[in-house]
Amino acid sequence: MGDQEHVSALLSNAYESLRNVDLDAACGFLDKALEIDFECPEVLYALKCARFWQDRAGRIAAVKDPFERGDFAVAQWKAFTAFLGRLSGEFEAAKYAFKRYLFALALESYLAVTDEEKTSREAEFSLRMGRCRKACGDYESAMRHLERAAKIKRDDPGIVAELADCHALSGEQRMSKALFREAFFLGADRIDLDLLECDMIRMLRDKVAELGYEGAALAEWMPIYGNLLGVFSVKRELKPSESTRLNSMIFQNENDLRENPKSSDILVPRLLNRYFWLVDHLVATDADRTKIDGVLLKIRLHDPVVYRQYTA
């Protein structure tokens, strides 16, 4: 076996160790690979990632409560992605292996939660189990957990978004689009974008970021451009009670905007999204054209650019 083949084999062994939640073994294989080729970019990249997790593994293990330990582990993912942004090179195999390591580590913690706590916090527990299973590539199991969580908390945007993400990763694009549209209507501010994996949402997020939006505003504008770009194209008819609730939400949002104009970067896109839902509802129910035109006028007054794209 040549040096390059030997290094490749050691990298494969390291990644397999990470999938088995054995960071020490992974570091051992990476150190051996470095001895053979101390200039291999992928080895250097993987070693930097391993050192990152070596520094945090002890802190994660020190959290006594298993539920809190799992949450603390998952919270490190954001720090890790920020860390990766400072590294040169794109080594997806390494990134995926470390993602599997982290979420498998978190999964171990959640599995150690007492039966009593699993029952008392069933929705939260099922969400976390589904999120970890999804990140580890076990979409079938993830779906079961997330569907259980969604049945308990039907109006939780974070749960609905995770379920939509899982459907997308499973190849069920139509269901995913419908659920993402629902999740961002329920509350864009309660969706953890960093934990969503599907290409559809990542590309939409990148597109909105390119337009200059960031932070909380970015999340609020995502359903606007999701609609304009055809990402959130799968729609459903509202029930009478939902229609009443939508009009009430719009009334409240309009008042919020009048009273807090400095928060327009958040409130305007939130209101536009609800106008979009109202237009869809009015069209679906064959409402009088003057009602539809009245909503379109509101959209134009709040954002002429969005209005032109929406009515094009």
C-alpha atoms as a PDB file:
ATOM      1  CA  MET A   1       0.000   0.000   0.000  1.00  0.00           C
ATOM      2  CA  GLY A   2       1.371   3.417  -1.031  1.00  0.00           C
ATOM      3  CA  ASP A   3       1.587   6.360   1.321  1.00  0.00           C
ATOM      4  CA  GLN A   4      -1.481   8.047  -0.179  1.00  0.00           C
ATOM      5  CA  GLU A   5      -3.561   4.887   0.086  1.00  0.00           C
ATOM      6  CA  HIS A   6      -2.377   4.435   3.673  1.00  0.00           C
ATOM      7  CA  VAL A   7      -3.391   7.998   4.548  1.00  0.00           C
ATOM      8  CA  SER A   8      -6.795   7.509   2.916  1.00  0.00           C
ATOM      9  CA  ALA A   9      -7.330   4.333   4.911  1.00  0.00           C
ATOM     10  CA  LEU A  10      -6.399   6.072   8.154  1.00  0.00           C
ATOM     11  CA  LEU A  11      -8.790   8.919   7.371  1.00  0.00           C
ATOM     12  CA  SER A  12     -11.574   6.413   6.743  1.00  0.00           C
ATOM     13  CA  ASN A  13     -10.799   4.713  10.061  1.00  0.00           C
ATOM     14  CA  ALA A  14     -10.833   8.084  11.827  1.00  0.00           C
ATOM     15  CA  TYR A  15     -14.204   8.996  10.353  1.00  0.00           C
ATOM     16  CA  GLU A  16     -15.630   5.608  11.279  1.00  0.00           C
ATOM     17  CA  SER A  17     -14.401   6.119  14.849  1.00  0.00           C
ATOM     18  CA  LEU A  18     -16.177   9.451  14.964  1.00  0.00           C
ATOM     19  CA  ARG A  19     -19.407   7.827  13.842  1.00  0.00           C
ATOM     20  CA  ASN A  20     -18.936   5.454  16.762  1.00  0.00           C
ATOM     21  CA  VAL A  21     -18.435   8.436  19.109  1.00  0.00           C
ATOM     22  CA  ASP A  22     -14.789   7.544  19.781  1.00  0.00           C
ATOM     23  CA  LEU A  23     -12.880  10.805  19.495  1.00  0.00           C
ATOM     24  CA  ASP A  24      -9.692   9.426  21.056  1.00  0.00           C
ATOM     25  CA  ALA A  25      -9.457   6.639  18.478  1.00  0.00           C
ATOM     26  CA  ALA A  26     -10.125   9.117  15.669  1.00  0.00           C
ATOM     27  CA  CYS A  27      -7.300  11.354  16.914  1.00  0.00           C
ATOM     28  CA  GLY A  28      -4.984   8.342  16.993  1.00  0.00           C
ATOM     29  CA  PHE A  29      -5.663   7.522  13.342  1.00  0.00           C
ATOM     30  CA  LEU A  30      -5.257  11.163  12.331  1.00  0.00           C
ATOM     31  CA  ASP A  31      -1.930  11.433  14.161  1.00  0.00           C
ATOM     32  CA  LYS A  32      -0.660   8.359  12.300  1.00  0.00           C
ATOM     33  CA  ALA A  33      -1.801   9.865   9.004  1.00  0.00           C
ATOM     34  CA  LEU A  34       0.073  13.062   9.834  1.00  0.00           C
ATOM     35  CA  GLU A  35       3.270  11.078  10.443  1.00  0.00           C
ATOM     36  CA  ILE A  36       3.005   9.687   6.918  1.00  0.00           C
ATOM     37  CA  ASP A  37       2.064  12.942   5.191  1.00  0.00           C
ATOM     38  CA  PHE A  38       2.408  16.069   7.324  1.00  0.00           C
ATOM     39  CA  GLU A  39       1.245  18.279   4.426  1.00  0.00           C
ATOM     40  CA  CYS A  40      -1.978  16.473   3.521  1.00  0.00           C
ATOM     41  CA  PRO A  41      -4.681  19.220   3.566  1.00  0.00           C
ATOM     42  CA  GLU A  42      -7.487  16.892   4.618  1.00  0.00           C
ATOM     43  CA  VAL A  43      -5.481  15.426   7.495  1.00  0.00           C
ATOM     44  CA  LEU A  44      -4.567  18.900   8.746  1.00  0.00           C
ATOM     45  CA  TYR A  45      -8.188  20.011   8.419  1.00  0.00           C
ATOM     46  CA  ALA A  46      -9.507  16.964  10.297  1.00  0.00           C
ATOM     47  CA  LEU A  47      -6.910  17.360  13.039  1.00  0.00           C
ATOM     48  CA  LYS A  48      -7.914  20.971  13.625  1.00  0.00           C
ATOM     49  CA  CYS A  49     -11.530  19.815  13.919  1.00  0.00           C
ATOM     50  CA  ALA A  50     -10.504  17.063  16.334  1.00  0.00           C
ATOM     51  CA  ARG A  51      -8.613  19.519  18.527  1.00  0.00           C
ATOM     52  CA  PHE A  52     -11.710  21.716  18.586  1.00  0.00           C
ATOM     53  CA  TRP A  53     -13.792  18.850  19.955  1.00  0.00           C
ATOM     54  CA  GLN A  54     -11.120  17.635  22.345  1.00  0.00           C
ATOM     55  CA  ASP A  55     -11.319  21.041  23.992  1.00  0.00           C
ATOM     56  CA  ARG A  56     -15.100  20.758  24.397  1.00  0.00           C
ATOM     57  CA  ALA A  57     -15.614  17.053  25.096  1.00  0.00           C
ATOM     58  CA  GLY A  58     -14.680  17.450  28.750  1.00  0.00           C
ATOM     59  CA  ARG A  59     -17.029  20.383  29.210  1.00  0.00           C
ATOM     60  CA  ILE A  60     -19.886  18.426  27.650  1.00  0.00           C
ATOM     61  CA  ALA A  61     -19.214  15.381  29.831  1.00  0.00           C
ATOM     62  CA  ALA A  62     -19.134  17.568  32.949  1.00  0.00           C
ATOM     63  CA  VAL A  63     -22.824  18.481  32.587  1.00  0.00           C
ATOM     64  CA  LYS A  64     -24.558  16.079  34.966  1.00  0.00           C
ATOM     65  CA  ASP A  65     -28.175  16.269  33.814  1.00  0.00           C
ATOM     66  CA  PRO A  66     -28.463  14.179  30.601  1.00  0.00           C
ATOM     67  CA  PHE A  67     -31.153  16.399  29.037  1.00  0.00           C
ATOM     68  CA  GLU A  68     -29.081  19.516  29.647  1.00  0.00           C
ATOM     69  CA  ARG A  69     -25.911  17.693  28.529  1.00  0.00           C
ATOM     70  CA  GLY A  70     -27.527  16.821  25.199  1.00  0.00           C
ATOM     71  CA  ASP A  71     -28.685  20.406  24.708  1.00  0.00           C
ATOM     72  CA  PHE A  72     -25.238  21.723  25.590  1.00  0.00           C
ATOM     73  CA  ALA A  73     -23.638  19.371  23.068  1.00  0.00           C
ATOM     74  CA  VAL A  74     -25.997  20.437  20.271  1.00  0.00           C
ATOM     75  CA  ALA A  75     -25.373  24.097  21.118  1.00  0.00           C
ATOM     76  CA  GLN A  76     -21.704  23.553  20.245  1.00  0.00           C
ATOM     77  CA  TRP A  77     -22.654  22.930  16.623  1.00  0.00           C
ATOM     78  CA  LYS A  78     -23.016  26.657  15.961  1.00  0.00           C
ATOM     79  CA  ALA A  79     -19.580  27.332  17.422  1.00  0.00           C
ATOM     80  CA  PHE A  80     -18.165  24.536  15.280  1.00  0.00           C
ATOM     81  CA  THR A  81     -19.683  25.846  12.042  1.00  0.00           C
ATOM     82  CA  ALA A  82     -18.258  29.292  12.836  1.00  0.00           C
ATOM     83  CA  PHE A  83     -14.892  27.606  13.451  1.00  0.00           C
ATOM     84  CA  LEU A  84     -15.091  25.804  10.098  1.00  0.00           C
ATOM     85  CA  GLY A  85     -15.674  29.139   8.391  1.00  0.00           C
ATOM     86  CA  ARG A  86     -12.178  30.187   9.479  1.00  0.00           C
ATOM     87  CA  LEU A  87     -10.515  27.075   8.039  1.00  0.00           C
ATOM     88  CA  SER A  88      -9.257  26.847   4.482  1.00  0.00           C
ATOM     89  CA  GLY A  89     -10.505  24.060   2.272  1.00  0.00           C
ATOM     90  CA  GLU A  90     -13.786  22.194   1.862  1.00  0.00           C
ATOM     91  CA  PHE A  91     -13.658  18.614   3.103  1.00  0.00           C
ATOM     92  CA  GLU A  92     -17.250  17.419   3.304  1.00  0.00           C
ATOM     93  CA  ALA A  93     -16.330  13.907   4.478  1.00  0.00           C
ATOM     94  CA  ALA A  94     -14.553  15.350   7.495  1.00  0.00           C
ATOM     95  CA  LYS A  95     -17.324  17.845   8.269  1.00  0.00           C
ATOM     96  CA  TYR A  96     -19.973  15.144   8.027  1.00  0.00           C
ATOM     97  CA  ALA A  97     -18.003  12.765  10.252  1.00  0.00           C
ATOM     98  CA  PHE A  98     -17.668  15.382  12.987  1.00  0.00           C
ATOM     99  CA  LYS A  99     -21.340  16.262  12.668  1.00  0.00           C
ATOM    100  CA  ARG A 100     -22.199  12.591  13.139  1.00  0.00           C
ATOM    101  CA  TYR A 101     -19.891  12.502  16.159  1.00  0.00           C
ATOM    102  CA  LEU A 102     -21.521  15.495  17.837  1.00  0.00           C
ATOM    103  CA  PHE A 103     -25.131  14.481  17.291  1.00  0.00           C
ATOM    104  CA  ALA A 104     -24.445  10.861  18.197  1.00  0.00           C
ATOM    105  CA  LEU A 105     -22.841  12.179  21.393  1.00  0.00           C
ATOM    106  CA  ALA A 106     -25.933  14.275  22.099  1.00  0.00           C
ATOM    107  CA  LEU A 107     -28.134  11.292  21.319  1.00  0.00           C
ATOM    108  CA  GLU A 108     -26.334   9.221  23.940  1.00  0.00           C
ATOM    109  CA  SER A 109     -27.164  11.894  26.512  1.00  0.00           C
ATOM    110  CA  TYR A 110     -30.836  12.071  25.568  1.00  0.00           C
ATOM    111  CA  LEU A 111     -31.128   8.292  25.726  1.00  0.00           C
ATOM    112  CA  ALA A 112     -29.911   8.493  29.334  1.00  0.00           C
ATOM    113  CA  VAL A 113     -32.866  10.697  30.317  1.00  0.00           C
ATOM    114  CA  THR A 114     -35.135   9.022  32.878  1.00  0.00           C
ATOM    115  CA  ASP A 115     -38.418   7.496  31.707  1.00  0.00           C
ATOM    116  CA  GLU A 116     -40.280   9.902  33.972  1.00  0.00           C
ATOM    117  CA  GLU A 117     -38.716  12.950  32.322  1.00  0.00           C
ATOM    118  CA  LYS A 118     -39.221  11.504  28.826  1.00  0.00           C
ATOM    119  CA  THR A 119     -42.941  11.274  29.601  1.00  0.00           C
ATOM    120  CA  SER A 120     -43.281  14.667  31.262  1.00  0.00           C
ATOM    121  CA  ARG A 121     -41.371  16.396  28.444  1.00  0.00           C
ATOM    122  CA  GLU A 122     -42.486  14.167  25.586  1.00  0.00           C
ATOM    123  CA  ALA A 123     -42.659  16.846  22.879  1.00  0.00           C
ATOM    124  CA  GLU A 124     -39.268  18.357  23.774  1.00  0.00           C
ATOM    125  CA  PHE A 125     -37.686  14.924  24.104  1.00  0.00           C
ATOM    126  CA  SER A 126     -39.114  13.699  20.764  1.00  0.00           C
ATOM    127  CA  LEU A 127     -37.913  16.874  19.025  1.00  0.00           C
ATOM    128  CA  ARG A 128     -34.377  16.365  20.274  1.00  0.00           C
ATOM    129  CA  MET A 129     -34.331  12.693  19.420  1.00  0.00           C
ATOM    130  CA  GLY A 130     -35.641  13.456  15.943  1.00  0.00           C
ATOM    131  CA  ARG A 131     -33.092  16.204  15.415  1.00  0.00           C
ATOM    132  CA  CYS A 132     -30.204  13.940  16.405  1.00  0.00           C
ATOM    133  CA  ARG A 133     -31.464  10.985  14.352  1.00  0.00           C
ATOM    134  CA  LYS A 134     -31.840  13.302  11.365  1.00  0.00           C
ATOM    135  CA  ALA A 135     -28.291  14.632  11.718  1.00  0.00           C
ATOM    136  CA  CYS A 136     -27.015  11.055  11.927  1.00  0.00           C
ATOM    137  CA  GLY A 137     -28.783  10.167   8.674  1.00  0.00           C
ATOM    138  CA  ASP A 138     -31.487   7.957  10.208  1.00  0.00           C
ATOM    139  CA  TYR A 139     -34.393   9.760   8.556  1.00  0.00           C
ATOM    140  CA  GLU A 140     -37.009   7.066   9.137  1.00  0.00           C
ATOM    141  CA  SER A 141     -36.483   7.072  12.892  1.00  0.00           C
ATOM    142  CA  ALA A 142     -36.168  10.869  12.904  1.00  0.00           C
ATOM    143  CA  MET A 143     -39.523  11.175  11.156  1.00  0.00           C
ATOM    144  CA  ARG A 144     -41.265   9.065  13.786  1.00  0.00           C
ATOM    145  CA  HIS A 145     -39.893  11.184  16.629  1.00  0.00           C
ATOM    146  CA  LEU A 146     -40.675  14.492  14.915  1.00  0.00           C
ATOM    147  CA  GLU A 147     -44.197  13.437  13.965  1.00  0.00           C
ATOM    148  CA  ARG A 148     -44.811  12.492  17.599  1.00  0.00           C
ATOM    149  CA  ALA A 149     -43.581  15.908  18.719  1.00  0.00           C
ATOM    150  CA  ALA A 150     -45.725  17.650  16.091  1.00  0.00           C
ATOM    151  CA  LYS A 151     -48.863  15.839  17.247  1.00  0.00           C
ATOM    152  CA  ILE A 152     -48.318  17.152  20.759  1.00  0.00           C
ATOM    153  CA  LYS A 153     -47.352  20.690  19.716  1.00  0.00           C
ATOM    154  CA  ARG A 154     -49.010  21.311  16.350  1.00  0.00           C
ATOM    155  CA  ASP A 155     -48.294  25.036  16.348  1.00  0.00           C
ATOM    156  CA  ASP A 156     -44.621  24.878  17.283  1.00  0.00           C
ATOM    157  CA  PRO A 157     -42.693  26.333  14.306  1.00  0.00           C
ATOM    158  CA  GLY A 158     -39.400  24.784  15.404  1.00  0.00           C
ATOM    159  CA  ILE A 159     -40.860  21.287  15.394  1.00  0.00           C
ATOM    160  CA  VAL A 160     -42.701  21.803  12.093  1.00  0.00           C
ATOM    161  CA  ALA A 161     -39.501  23.141  10.476  1.00  0.00           C
ATOM    162  CA  GLU A 162     -37.479  20.134  11.649  1.00  0.00           C
ATOM    163  CA  LEU A 163     -40.170  17.816  10.260  1.00  0.00           C
ATOM    164  CA  ALA A 164     -40.108  19.718   6.960  1.00  0.00           C
ATOM    165  CA  ASP A 165     -36.326  19.406   6.862  1.00  0.00           C
ATOM    166  CA  CYS A 166     -36.553  15.665   7.445  1.00  0.00           C
ATOM    167  CA  HIS A 167     -39.082  15.277   4.623  1.00  0.00           C
ATOM    168  CA  ALA A 168     -36.764  17.188   2.280  1.00  0.00           C
ATOM    169  CA  LEU A 169     -33.773  15.026   3.202  1.00  0.00           C
ATOM    170  CA  SER A 170     -35.961  11.955   2.612  1.00  0.00           C
ATOM    171  CA  GLY A 171     -36.780  13.166  -0.905  1.00  0.00           C
ATOM    172  CA  GLU A 172     -40.363  14.207  -0.132  1.00  0.00           C
ATOM    173  CA  GLN A 173     -40.112  17.706  -1.564  1.00  0.00           C
ATOM    174  CA  ARG A 174     -43.817  18.501  -1.881  1.00  0.00           C
ATOM    175  CA  MET A 175     -44.554  17.745   1.769  1.00  0.00           C
ATOM    176  CA  SER A 176     -41.397  19.584   2.796  1.00  0.00           C
ATOM    177  CA  LYS A 177     -42.418  22.759   0.957  1.00  0.00           C
ATOM    178  CA  ALA A 178     -45.869  22.714   2.515  1.00  0.00           C
ATOM    179  CA  LEU A 179     -44.480  22.233   6.025  1.00  0.00           C
ATOM    180  CA  PHE A 180     -41.769  24.883   5.665  1.00  0.00           C
ATOM    181  CA  ARG A 181     -44.386  27.386   4.518  1.00  0.00           C
ATOM    182  CA  GLU A 182     -46.433  26.479   7.588  1.00  0.00           C
ATOM    183  CA  ALA A 183     -43.465  26.717   9.963  1.00  0.00           C
ATOM    184  CA  PHE A 184     -42.403  30.179   8.799  1.00  0.00           C
ATOM    185  CA  PHE A 185     -45.994  31.377   9.100  1.00  0.00           C
ATOM    186  CA  LEU A 186     -46.230  30.103  12.670  1.00  0.00           C
ATOM    187  CA  GLY A 187     -43.080  31.965  13.673  1.00  0.00           C
ATOM    188  CA  ALA A 188     -39.852  32.514  11.771  1.00  0.00           C
ATOM    189  CA  ASP A 189     -38.279  33.869  14.959  1.00  0.00           C
ATOM    190  CA  ARG A 190     -38.670  30.476  16.669  1.00  0.00           C
ATOM    191  CA  ILE A 191     -36.924  28.410  13.967  1.00  0.00           C
ATOM    192  CA  ASP A 192     -33.283  27.487  14.478  1.00  0.00           C
ATOM    193  CA  LEU A 193     -31.930  27.916  10.949  1.00  0.00           C
ATOM    194  CA  ASP A 194     -28.490  26.586  11.903  1.00  0.00           C
ATOM    195  CA  LEU A 195     -29.947  23.128  12.562  1.00  0.00           C
ATOM    196  CA  LEU A 196     -31.744  22.817   9.208  1.00  0.00           C
ATOM    197  CA  GLU A 197     -29.820  20.807   6.646  1.00  0.00           C
ATOM    198  CA  CYS A 198     -31.724  20.526   3.350  1.00  0.00           C
ATOM    199  CA  ASP A 199     -30.383  22.282   0.259  1.00  0.00           C
ATOM    200  CA  MET A 200     -33.699  24.043  -0.388  1.00  0.00           C
ATOM    201  CA  ILE A 201     -33.580  26.022   2.846  1.00  0.00           C
ATOM    202  CA  ARG A 202     -29.832  26.586   2.766  1.00  0.00           C
ATOM    203  CA  MET A 203     -30.054  28.057  -0.731  1.00  0.00           C
ATOM    204  CA  LEU A 204     -33.023  30.232   0.263  1.00  0.00           C
ATOM    205  CA  ARG A 205     -31.159  31.453   3.331  1.00  0.00           C
ATOM    206  CA  ASP A 206     -28.084  32.290   1.230  1.00  0.00           C
ATOM    207  CA  LYS A 207     -30.230  34.147  -1.294  1.00  0.00           C
ATOM    208  CA  VAL A 208     -31.872  36.293   1.383  1.00  0.00           C
ATOM    209  CA  ALA A 209     -28.485  36.955   3.001  1.00  0.00           C
ATOM    210  CA  GLU A 210     -27.144  38.147  -0.375  1.00  0.00           C
ATOM    211  CA  LEU A 211     -29.894  40.783  -0.365  1.00  0.00           C
ATOM    212  CA  GLY A 212     -28.374  42.238   2.792  1.00  0.00           C
ATOM    213  CA  TYR A 213     -30.617  40.774   5.472  1.00  0.00           C
ATOM    214  CA  GLU A 214     -29.123  39.240   8.586  1.00  0.00           C
ATOM    215  CA  GLY A 215     -29.994  38.112  12.081  1.00  0.00           C
ATOM    216  CA  ALA A 216     -33.666  38.098  13.022  1.00  0.00           C
ATOM    217  CA  ALA A 217     -34.625  40.025   9.879  1.00  0.00           C
ATOM    218  CA  LEU A 218     -33.141  37.310   7.667  1.00  0.00           C
ATOM    219  CA  ALA A 219     -35.461  34.683   9.134  1.00  0.00           C
ATOM    220  CA  GLU A 220     -38.509  36.943   8.695  1.00  0.00           C
ATOM    221  CA  TRP A 221     -37.700  37.650   5.040  1.00  0.00           C
ATOM    222  CA  MET A 222     -37.155  33.996   4.155  1.00  0.00           C
ATOM    223  CA  PRO A 223     -40.870  33.186   3.700  1.00  0.00           C
ATOM    224  CA  ILE A 224     -41.286  36.309   1.549  1.00  0.00           C
ATOM    225  CA  TYR A 225     -38.612  35.203  -0.893  1.00  0.00           C
ATOM    226  CA  GLY A 226     -39.621  31.591  -0.423  1.00  0.00           C
ATOM    227  CA  ASN A 227     -42.946  32.636  -1.912  1.00  0.00           C
ATOM    228  CA  LEU A 228     -41.535  34.902  -4.616  1.00  0.00           C
ATOM    229  CA  LEU A 229     -38.978  32.317  -5.752  1.00  0.00           C
ATOM    230  CA  GLY A 230     -41.432  29.434  -5.730  1.00  0.00           C
ATOM    231  CA  VAL A 231     -39.836  27.570  -2.827  1.00  0.00           C
ATOM    232  CA  PHE A 232     -42.992  27.725  -0.687  1.00  0.00           C
ATOM    233  CA  SER A 233     -45.246  26.827  -3.598  1.00  0.00           C
ATOM    234  CA  VAL A 234     -47.327  24.086  -1.975  1.00  0.00           C
ATOM    235  CA  LYS A 235     -50.325  25.669  -0.278  1.00  0.00           C
ATOM    236  CA  ARG A 236     -53.477  24.550   1.509  1.00  0.00           C
ATOM    237  CA  GLU A 237     -56.940  25.945   2.084  1.00  0.00           C
ATOM    238  CA  LEU A 238     -57.579  27.531   5.461  1.00  0.00           C
ATOM    239  CA  LYS A 239     -60.310  26.362   7.811  1.00  0.00           C
ATOM    240  CA  PRO A 240     -62.847  29.049   8.879  1.00  0.00           C
ATOM    241  CA  SER A 241     -61.257  29.242  12.334  1.00  0.00           C
ATOM    242  CA  GLU A 242     -57.809  29.666  10.771  1.00  0.00           C
ATOM    243  CA  SER A 243     -59.087  32.429   8.491  1.00  0.00           C
ATOM    244  CA  THR A 244     -60.483  34.282  11.508  1.00  0.00           C
ATOM    245  CA  ARG A 245     -57.197  33.842  13.343  1.00  0.00           C
ATOM    246  CA  LEU A 246     -55.212  35.091  10.319  1.00  0.00           C
ATOM    247  CA  ASN A 247     -57.242  38.303  10.114  1.00  0.00           C
ATOM    248  CA  SER A 248     -56.775  38.826  13.839  1.00  0.00           C
ATOM    249  CA  MET A 249     -53.005  38.353  13.499  1.00  0.00           C
ATOM    250  CA  ILE A 250     -52.871  40.848  10.623  1.00  0.00           C
ATOM    251  CA  PHE A 251     -54.829  43.408  12.636  1.00  0.00           C
ATOM    252  CA  GLN A 252     -52.409  42.976  15.554  1.00  0.00           C
ATOM    253  CA  ASN A 253     -49.348  43.170  13.285  1.00  0.00           C
ATOM    254  CA  GLU A 254     -50.590  46.362  11.657  1.00  0.00           C
ATOM    255  CA  ASN A 255     -51.059  47.926  15.094  1.00  0.00           C
ATOM    256  CA  ASP A 256     -47.603  46.732  16.186  1.00  0.00           C
ATOM    257  CA  LEU A 257     -46.050  48.351  13.133  1.00  0.00           C
ATOM    258  CA  ARG A 258     -47.804  51.674  13.741  1.00  0.00           C
ATOM    259  CA  GLU A 259     -46.693  51.687  17.364  1.00  0.00           C
ATOM    260  CA  ASN A 260     -43.136  50.429  16.719  1.00  0.00           C
ATOM    261  CA  PRO A 261     -41.963  51.777  13.325  1.00  0.00           C
ATOM    262  CA  LYS A 262     -38.337  51.284  14.385  1.00  0.00           C
ATOM    263  CA  SER A 263     -38.977  47.527  14.314  1.00  0.00           C
ATOM    264  CA  SER A 264     -40.100  47.584  10.677  1.00  0.00           C
ATOM    265  CA  ASP A 265     -37.206  45.332   9.616  1.00  0.00           C
ATOM    266  CA  ILE A 266     -38.949  42.547  11.551  1.00  0.00           C
ATOM    267  CA  LEU A 267     -42.599  43.572  11.436  1.00  0.00           C
ATOM    268  CA  VAL A 268     -42.901  44.439   7.728  1.00  0.00           C
ATOM    269  CA  PRO A 269     -41.824  41.031   6.364  1.00  0.00           C
ATOM    270  CA  ARG A 270     -43.921  39.294   9.033  1.00  0.00           C
ATOM    271  CA  LEU A 271     -46.938  41.310   7.909  1.00  0.00           C
ATOM    272  CA  LEU A 272     -46.212  40.744   4.212  1.00  0.00           C
ATOM    273  CA  ASN A 273     -46.104  36.995   4.807  1.00  0.00           C
ATOM    274  CA  ARG A 274     -49.540  37.133   6.398  1.00  0.00           C
ATOM    275  CA  TYR A 275     -50.858  39.242   3.519  1.00  0.00           C
ATOM    276  CA  PHE A 276     -49.609  36.533   1.159  1.00  0.00           C
ATOM    277  CA  TRP A 277     -51.540  33.922   3.124  1.00  0.00           C
ATOM    278  CA  LEU A 278     -54.652  36.096   3.056  1.00  0.00           C
ATOM    279  CA  VAL A 279     -54.454  36.601  -0.717  1.00  0.00           C
ATOM    280  CA  ASP A 280     -54.094  32.849  -1.223  1.00  0.00           C
ATOM    281  CA  HIS A 281     -57.124  32.271   0.989  1.00  0.00           C
ATOM    282  CA  LEU A 282     -59.237  34.884  -0.813  1.00  0.00           C
ATOM    283  CA  VAL A 283     -58.328  33.426  -4.218  1.00  0.00           C
ATOM    284  CA  ALA A 284     -59.051  29.867  -3.054  1.00  0.00           C
ATOM    285  CA  THR A 285     -62.488  30.854  -1.750  1.00  0.00           C
ATOM    286  CA  ASP A 286     -63.411  32.935  -4.854  1.00  0.00           C
ATOM    287  CA  ALA A 287     -63.696  36.095  -2.791  1.00  0.00           C
ATOM    288  CA  ASP A 288     -64.749  39.385  -4.335  1.00  0.00           C
ATOM    289  CA  ARG A 289     -61.916  40.894  -6.386  1.00  0.00           C
ATOM    290  CA  THR A 290     -62.085  44.149  -4.446  1.00  0.00           C
ATOM    291  CA  LYS A 291     -61.015  42.299  -1.269  1.00  0.00           C
ATOM    292  CA  ILE A 292     -57.989  40.854  -3.037  1.00  0.00           C
ATOM    293  CA  ASP A 293     -57.076  44.229  -4.519  1.00  0.00           C
ATOM    294  CA  GLY A 294     -57.322  45.784  -1.069  1.00  0.00           C
ATOM    295  CA  VAL A 295     -54.707  43.374   0.301  1.00  0.00           C
ATOM    296  CA  LEU A 296     -52.489  43.871  -2.756  1.00  0.00           C
ATOM    297  CA  LEU A 297     -52.628  47.619  -2.162  1.00  0.00           C
ATOM    298  CA  LYS A 298     -51.375  47.096   1.387  1.00  0.00           C
ATOM    299  CA  ILE A 299     -48.498  45.001   0.062  1.00  0.00           C
ATOM    300  CA  ARG A 300     -47.595  47.762  -2.422  1.00  0.00           C
ATOM    301  CA  LEU A 301     -47.668  50.430   0.276  1.00  0.00           C
ATOM    302  CA  HIS A 302     -45.359  48.456   2.561  1.00  0.00           C
ATOM    303  CA  ASP A 303     -42.904  47.315  -0.105  1.00  0.00           C
ATOM    304  CA  PRO A 304     -43.309  48.340  -3.780  1.00  0.00           C
ATOM    305  CA  VAL A 305     -40.444  46.057  -4.875  1.00  0.00           C
ATOM    306  CA  VAL A 306     -42.011  42.969  -3.312  1.00  0.00           C
ATOM    307  CA  TYR A 307     -45.383  44.011  -4.758  1.00  0.00           C
ATOM    308  CA  ARG A 308     -43.978  44.153  -8.304  1.00  0.00           C
ATOM    309  CA  GLN A 309     -42.367  40.733  -7.950  1.00  0.00           C
ATOM    310  CA  TYR A 310     -45.476  39.265  -6.323  1.00  0.00           C
ATOM    311  CA  THR A 311     -47.845  40.496  -9.042  1.00  0.00           C
ATOM    312  CA  ALA A 312     -45.512  39.964 -12.006  1.00  0.00           C
END
